[in-house]
Protein backbone atom coordinates (compact mmCIF):
# COMPACT_ATOMS: atom_id res chain seq x y z
CA MET A 1 -0.02 0.06 0.09
CA ARG A 2 1.20 3.58 -0.74
CA PRO A 3 1.80 6.00 1.91
CA ALA A 4 -1.52 7.58 2.78
CA VAL A 5 -0.18 11.12 3.08
CA SER A 6 0.74 11.07 -0.86
CA ALA A 7 -2.79 10.15 -1.91
CA THR A 8 -4.94 12.93 -3.38
CA LEU A 9 -8.57 12.64 -5.10
CA GLN A 10 -6.57 13.31 -8.29
CA ASP A 11 -4.33 10.23 -7.79
CA VAL A 12 -7.39 8.09 -7.17
CA ALA A 13 -8.95 9.11 -10.40
CA THR A 14 -5.85 8.87 -12.46
CA LEU A 15 -5.20 5.25 -10.91
CA ALA A 16 -9.01 4.25 -11.73
CA GLY A 17 -9.16 5.98 -14.97
CA VAL A 18 -12.12 8.10 -14.07
CA SER A 19 -12.85 11.92 -13.47
CA ILE A 20 -12.57 13.39 -9.94
CA LYS A 21 -16.27 13.89 -9.86
CA THR A 22 -16.84 10.18 -10.28
CA VAL A 23 -14.60 9.54 -7.32
CA SER A 24 -16.06 11.93 -5.30
CA ASN A 25 -19.31 10.38 -6.04
CA VAL A 26 -18.10 7.03 -4.85
CA VAL A 27 -16.75 8.54 -1.60
CA ARG A 28 -19.87 10.25 -0.84
CA GLY A 29 -22.13 7.07 -1.48
CA TYR A 30 -23.97 8.50 -4.36
CA GLN A 31 -25.98 5.66 -5.53
CA HIS A 32 -26.17 6.09 -9.59
CA VAL A 33 -22.58 4.93 -10.07
CA ARG A 34 -22.26 1.79 -12.06
CA PRO A 35 -21.06 -1.18 -9.89
CA SER A 36 -17.98 -1.90 -12.06
CA THR A 37 -16.97 1.74 -11.88
CA ARG A 38 -17.58 1.80 -8.31
CA ALA A 39 -15.35 -1.16 -7.76
CA ARG A 40 -12.54 0.29 -9.76
CA VAL A 41 -12.57 3.54 -7.55
CA GLN A 42 -12.71 1.45 -4.56
CA ALA A 43 -9.90 -0.59 -5.46
CA ALA A 44 -7.61 2.46 -6.25
CA ILE A 45 -8.84 3.85 -2.98
CA ASP A 46 -7.73 0.71 -1.28
CA GLU A 47 -4.35 0.63 -3.02
CA LEU A 48 -3.34 4.25 -2.36
CA GLY A 49 -4.70 4.35 1.08
CA TYR A 50 -6.70 7.39 0.35
CA VAL A 51 -8.58 9.17 3.23
CA PRO A 52 -11.04 11.82 2.17
CA HIS A 53 -9.91 15.20 3.76
CA SER A 54 -12.67 17.80 4.10
CA ILE A 55 -10.69 20.79 2.94
CA ALA A 56 -9.23 18.96 -0.06
CA ARG A 57 -12.63 17.94 -0.74
CA ARG A 58 -14.15 21.48 -0.76
CA LEU A 59 -11.11 22.56 -2.86
CA ALA A 60 -11.62 19.77 -5.48
CA THR A 61 -15.43 19.46 -5.47
CA GLY A 62 -16.95 22.70 -4.29
CA THR A 63 -18.55 20.71 -1.24
CA THR A 64 -18.02 21.09 2.36
CA GLY A 65 -19.16 17.60 3.41
CA MET A 66 -21.38 19.15 6.20
CA VAL A 67 -25.12 19.07 6.31
CA ALA A 68 -27.16 21.28 8.77
CA PHE A 69 -30.23 20.38 10.65
CA ALA A 70 -32.45 23.11 11.81
CA LEU A 71 -35.07 22.30 14.31
CA PRO A 72 -37.16 24.15 16.97
CA ALA A 73 -35.64 22.82 20.22
CA ILE A 74 -32.95 20.47 20.79
CA GLU A 75 -33.80 19.81 24.53
CA THR A 76 -37.21 18.16 23.22
CA PRO A 77 -36.77 14.56 23.41
CA TYR A 78 -38.39 13.98 19.84
CA PHE A 79 -36.24 16.51 17.90
CA ALA A 80 -32.99 15.06 19.96
CA GLU A 81 -33.85 11.60 18.64
CA LEU A 82 -34.39 12.86 15.22
CA ALA A 83 -31.17 14.59 15.21
CA ALA A 84 -29.34 11.47 16.41
CA LEU A 85 -31.04 9.50 13.55
CA VAL A 86 -30.12 12.23 11.01
CA SER A 87 -26.34 12.06 12.07
CA THR A 88 -26.09 8.35 11.95
CA GLU A 89 -27.79 8.42 8.52
CA ILE A 90 -25.56 11.00 7.02
CA GLY A 91 -22.54 9.59 8.65
CA GLY A 92 -22.84 6.58 6.23
CA PHE A 93 -22.32 8.88 3.52
CA ASP A 94 -19.27 10.60 4.97
CA TYR A 95 -20.96 13.75 5.97
CA ARG A 96 -21.01 15.71 9.07
CA LEU A 97 -23.98 17.35 10.92
CA LEU A 98 -24.41 20.83 12.07
CA ILE A 99 -27.21 21.38 14.57
CA GLU A 100 -29.15 24.89 14.11
CA GLN A 101 -31.73 25.54 17.02
CA THR A 102 -34.27 28.19 16.21
CA SER A 103 -36.39 28.08 19.37
CA GLY A 104 -39.26 28.75 17.29
CA SER A 105 -38.22 32.38 16.43
CA LEU A 106 -39.25 33.82 13.28
CA ASP A 107 -36.18 35.87 12.91
CA ASP A 108 -34.04 32.64 13.46
CA GLU A 109 -35.89 30.63 11.03
CA ARG A 110 -35.52 33.55 8.61
CA ALA A 111 -31.68 33.73 9.35
CA VAL A 112 -31.43 29.92 8.63
CA LEU A 113 -33.04 30.04 5.16
CA ARG A 114 -31.04 33.21 4.24
CA GLY A 115 -27.95 31.32 4.57
CA ARG A 116 -26.30 32.09 7.82
CA GLU A 117 -24.44 29.14 7.27
CA GLN A 118 -23.69 30.30 3.76
CA GLY A 119 -20.64 28.29 2.32
CA LEU A 120 -20.46 25.88 5.30
CA ILE A 121 -22.81 23.46 4.21
CA ASP A 122 -24.10 21.33 1.39
CA GLY A 123 -27.62 21.04 2.10
CA LEU A 124 -30.02 21.83 4.89
CA ILE A 125 -33.03 19.87 6.57
CA PHE A 126 -35.23 22.03 8.21
CA GLN A 127 -38.43 21.81 10.46
CA PRO A 128 -39.88 25.52 10.68
CA THR A 129 -42.70 26.17 13.04
CA GLU A 130 -43.35 29.88 12.26
CA LEU A 131 -42.63 30.41 8.53
CA ASP A 132 -45.50 29.88 6.03
CA ALA A 133 -44.92 28.68 2.45
CA ASP A 134 -44.63 32.09 1.07
CA ALA A 135 -41.99 33.03 3.47
CA ILE A 136 -40.18 29.96 2.88
CA GLU A 137 -40.00 30.67 -0.98
CA GLN A 138 -39.12 34.18 -0.13
CA PHE A 139 -36.28 33.70 2.09
CA ARG A 140 -34.87 30.57 0.85
CA GLY A 141 -31.30 30.71 -0.69
CA SER A 142 -29.59 28.33 -3.51
CA THR A 143 -28.55 25.78 -0.65
CA PRO A 144 -30.67 22.43 -1.27
CA LEU A 145 -33.43 22.08 1.19
CA VAL A 146 -35.90 19.65 2.59
CA LEU A 147 -38.75 20.46 5.17
CA LEU A 148 -40.08 18.44 7.68
CA GLY A 149 -43.10 18.95 9.81
CA GLU A 150 -46.82 20.16 9.23
CA ILE A 151 -46.33 23.55 7.62
CA PRO A 152 -47.34 23.14 3.99
CA PRO A 153 -44.31 23.77 1.74
CA PRO A 154 -44.02 25.88 -1.27
CA PRO A 155 -44.08 23.86 -4.62
CA THR A 156 -40.46 24.17 -5.24
CA VAL A 157 -39.32 22.67 -1.97
CA ASP A 158 -39.11 18.86 -1.11
CA HIS A 159 -41.20 17.77 2.09
CA VAL A 160 -41.43 14.84 4.43
CA MET A 161 -44.10 14.51 7.12
CA VAL A 162 -46.41 12.17 9.17
CA ASP A 163 -50.14 12.18 8.57
CA ASN A 164 -51.13 13.90 11.55
CA ILE A 165 -54.85 13.70 11.25
CA ALA A 166 -54.72 10.10 10.62
CA ALA A 167 -52.63 9.47 13.72
CA ALA A 168 -54.76 11.45 15.77
CA ARG A 169 -57.96 9.45 14.64
CA ALA A 170 -56.31 6.14 15.23
CA ALA A 171 -55.42 7.34 19.03
CA THR A 172 -58.98 8.56 19.48
CA PHE A 173 -60.38 5.36 17.87
CA HIS A 174 -58.45 3.33 20.37
CA LEU A 175 -59.76 5.07 23.48
CA LEU A 176 -63.43 4.94 22.03
CA HIS A 177 -63.02 1.09 21.36
CA SER A 178 -61.72 0.70 24.86
CA GLY A 179 -65.12 2.08 26.23
CA ARG A 180 -64.09 5.76 26.91
CA THR A 181 -67.05 7.91 26.30
CA ARG A 182 -65.81 11.54 27.31
CA ILE A 183 -62.21 11.83 25.61
CA ALA A 184 -60.37 15.31 25.92
CA PHE A 185 -57.66 16.62 23.87
CA LEU A 186 -54.61 18.08 25.60
CA GLY A 187 -52.81 20.92 23.93
CA TYR A 188 -55.40 22.44 21.84
CA ALA A 189 -54.22 25.98 22.16
CA ALA A 190 -50.59 25.46 23.02
CA ALA A 191 -49.61 27.89 20.33
CA ALA A 192 -51.81 30.32 18.34
CA GLY A 193 -52.02 28.48 14.74
CA HIS A 194 -49.58 26.06 15.48
CA ALA A 195 -49.90 23.81 12.59
CA THR A 196 -48.94 20.38 14.39
CA ALA A 197 -51.57 20.93 17.19
CA SER A 198 -54.09 21.94 14.77
CA LEU A 199 -53.83 18.78 12.57
CA ARG A 200 -53.92 16.57 15.71
CA ALA A 201 -56.93 18.25 17.23
CA GLU A 202 -58.82 17.91 13.81
CA GLY A 203 -57.95 14.20 13.61
CA TYR A 204 -59.34 13.82 17.19
CA LEU A 205 -62.57 15.80 16.48
CA SER A 206 -63.06 13.96 13.29
CA ALA A 207 -62.84 10.44 15.00
CA LEU A 208 -65.39 11.65 17.84
CA GLU A 209 -67.99 12.81 14.81
CA GLU A 210 -67.60 9.64 13.00
CA CYS A 211 -68.36 7.44 16.04
CA GLY A 212 -71.14 9.97 17.49
CA ALA A 213 -69.08 10.43 20.80
CA HIS A 214 -69.53 13.37 23.15
CA ARG A 215 -67.64 16.32 21.90
CA SER A 216 -67.78 19.75 23.69
CA ASP A 217 -65.47 22.77 23.97
CA ASP A 218 -64.57 22.09 27.68
CA LEU A 219 -62.92 18.82 26.36
CA LEU A 220 -60.45 20.87 24.33
CA ILE A 221 -57.83 21.43 27.31
CA PRO A 222 -55.54 24.37 26.53
CA MET A 223 -51.85 24.55 27.44
CA GLN A 224 -50.00 27.93 27.99
CA ARG A 225 -46.85 26.35 26.38
CA PHE A 226 -45.48 22.90 25.41
CA GLY A 227 -43.93 20.76 27.90
CA ALA A 228 -44.60 18.29 30.80
CA PHE A 229 -45.05 21.09 33.29
CA ALA A 230 -47.61 23.07 31.37
CA ALA A 231 -49.38 19.82 30.82
CA GLU A 232 -49.60 19.06 34.34
CA ALA A 233 -50.90 22.45 35.25
CA ALA A 234 -53.41 22.27 32.35
CA VAL A 235 -54.92 18.98 33.60
CA ILE A 236 -54.85 19.92 37.27
CA ASP A 237 -56.92 23.25 36.21
CA ALA A 238 -59.30 21.33 33.88
CA ILE A 239 -60.06 18.92 36.97
CA GLU A 240 -60.51 21.96 39.52
CA THR A 241 -63.03 23.60 37.00
CA GLY A 242 -65.28 20.27 36.78
CA VAL A 243 -64.25 19.23 33.55
CA ARG A 244 -65.12 15.41 33.24
CA PHE A 245 -63.11 13.12 31.11
CA ASP A 246 -62.12 9.33 30.95
CA GLY A 247 -59.86 9.62 27.92
CA LEU A 248 -56.96 11.78 27.13
CA VAL A 249 -55.29 12.32 23.70
CA CYS A 250 -52.01 14.23 24.48
CA PHE A 251 -50.26 16.49 21.98
CA ASP A 252 -46.96 14.67 22.78
CA ASP A 253 -45.29 12.26 24.96
CA LEU A 254 -44.28 15.11 27.35
CA ALA A 255 -47.82 16.16 27.52
CA GLY A 256 -48.80 12.81 28.43
CA ILE A 257 -46.20 12.24 31.27
CA GLY A 258 -47.37 15.57 32.62
CA ALA A 259 -51.02 14.60 32.45
CA MET A 260 -50.48 11.38 34.34
CA LYS A 261 -48.45 12.99 37.16
CA ALA A 262 -51.81 15.62 37.44
CA LEU A 263 -54.18 12.74 37.33
CA ALA A 264 -52.12 10.88 40.17
CA ARG A 265 -52.29 14.14 42.15
CA ALA A 266 -55.88 14.48 41.90
CA GLY A 267 -56.42 10.70 42.93
CA ARG A 268 -57.28 9.42 39.17
CA VAL A 269 -56.20 6.03 38.49
CA VAL A 270 -54.45 5.51 35.04
CA PRO A 271 -55.88 3.80 33.15
CA ASP A 272 -58.90 2.72 35.34
CA ASP A 273 -60.26 6.25 35.69
CA VAL A 274 -58.57 7.72 32.39
CA GLY A 275 -56.99 6.53 29.62
CA VAL A 276 -54.00 8.18 28.37
CA VAL A 277 -52.35 8.48 25.03
CA GLY A 278 -49.09 10.24 24.03
CA TRP A 279 -47.34 11.00 20.71
CA ASP A 280 -43.87 10.33 19.41
CA ASP A 281 -42.93 7.52 21.52
CA ILE A 282 -39.92 9.00 22.94
CA LEU A 283 -37.47 6.65 24.95
CA MET A 284 -38.81 7.80 28.26
CA SER A 285 -42.36 6.86 27.43
CA ASN A 286 -41.37 3.19 27.88
CA PHE A 287 -40.48 3.86 31.54
CA THR A 288 -43.53 5.63 32.99
CA ASN A 289 -45.91 3.88 35.36
CA PRO A 290 -47.78 2.52 33.71
CA GLY A 291 -46.46 2.76 30.46
CA LEU A 292 -47.51 5.39 28.06
CA THR A 293 -49.53 4.33 25.16
CA THR A 294 -48.32 6.49 22.31
CA VAL A 295 -48.32 7.23 18.50
CA ARG A 296 -44.89 6.15 17.07
CA PRO A 297 -44.06 8.10 13.88
CA ASP A 298 -41.61 6.11 11.76
CA LYS A 299 -38.77 8.36 12.56
CA PRO A 300 -35.84 6.08 11.00
CA THR A 301 -38.02 6.35 7.63
CA LEU A 302 -38.71 10.04 8.07
CA THR A 303 -35.07 11.10 8.50
CA ARG A 304 -33.84 8.37 5.79
CA THR A 305 -36.24 9.75 3.28
CA ALA A 306 -35.27 13.51 4.19
CA PHE A 307 -31.55 12.79 3.45
CA ARG A 308 -32.03 10.81 0.53
CA MET A 309 -34.23 13.63 -1.02
CA LEU A 310 -31.71 16.15 0.09
CA ARG A 311 -28.82 13.91 -1.28
CA GLU A 312 -30.56 13.84 -4.70
CA ARG A 313 -30.96 17.67 -4.84
CA MET A 314 -26.98 18.18 -3.59
CA ASP A 315 -26.09 15.90 -6.70
CA GLY A 316 -27.80 18.10 -8.89
CA ALA A 317 -31.57 16.75 -9.31
CA GLY A 318 -33.99 19.32 -10.68
CA GLY A 319 -37.78 19.34 -10.97
CA PRO A 320 -40.69 20.62 -8.52
CA GLY A 321 -41.00 19.82 -4.99
CA ARG A 322 -41.65 16.34 -3.87
CA HIS A 323 -43.90 15.43 -0.86
CA GLU A 324 -43.73 11.97 0.98
CA THR A 325 -45.53 10.80 4.00
CA VAL A 326 -44.24 8.12 6.22
CA GLY A 327 -46.15 5.86 8.45
CA PHE A 328 -46.81 5.58 12.21
CA ASP A 329 -48.11 2.95 14.51
CA LEU A 330 -50.04 3.02 17.84
CA VAL A 331 -47.81 1.47 20.58
CA VAL A 332 -50.49 0.07 23.24
CA ARG A 333 -49.02 -0.02 26.67
CA GLY A 334 -50.59 0.11 30.14
CA SER A 335 -51.85 3.67 30.35
CA THR A 336 -54.98 2.37 28.17
CA ALA A 337 -55.42 -1.07 29.35
CA SER A 338 -58.92 -2.07 29.70
């Protein structure tokens, strides 16, 4: 084997009899390379002991080997789990991950799209909470972009999401079929105009209507903000003001965990008195007592699909924006046992 220090991208290309671009495609794991060409390039890499270097790659190919993931809150378990999955996925293609937290700030979301990391990244995966489609179209730069979440994308941008309406219907049907008759939704007004909360509430109401179940405004329990503490306070307030419910569909698992603590404080037994369903299937939902029944979005497929679409755009794919929806499961645990 020749000394690795002397090997360059050009050396590999010369030995393999291909272009630098082809070597770059093989190194980055680009799928549209003929197997025979990939094998020839890999053999040259092995013989030369070539190790990609980020600065050399940037100079030779105009790329940085860096992908950004812009998300609302890294401390939220769901987004932390997504970030870990994105990091694992892109690592298999020799990319590194830059995390950008927007904190649900309109200014920060605009800055992300305007190219705060201009020249530092090759592509961006972004879950906005404040920007609408027109603003995304207005502020986006030239960096390849894939959106996550429930905000409708502009027609030029790729988008991956979970069907929140269908998932909320499934969670509500589960409670109805277990004999619950007064089912509440926790998190209805957690944020004015919040797309995710609105869609989940829509699915909940749709299921109640389809089954002819009781529905009333007092069963739409508001939260002042997101999180377990806010959920606990909201459920205590609802109980103290006389709201009666025997089932609870929660905005997310943190809300479900906060709700179960509030119910315990009020002397309500889960699931005997109230069945509780969360959302996201975060790791800690396995360790509550009882275990939290939850909607499990297919997070591995979500992140895999987003990066596949982004990689295709980074490799020059054109065309209109694409929209893909990934699946979900309802994971039944002790919080809804009959």
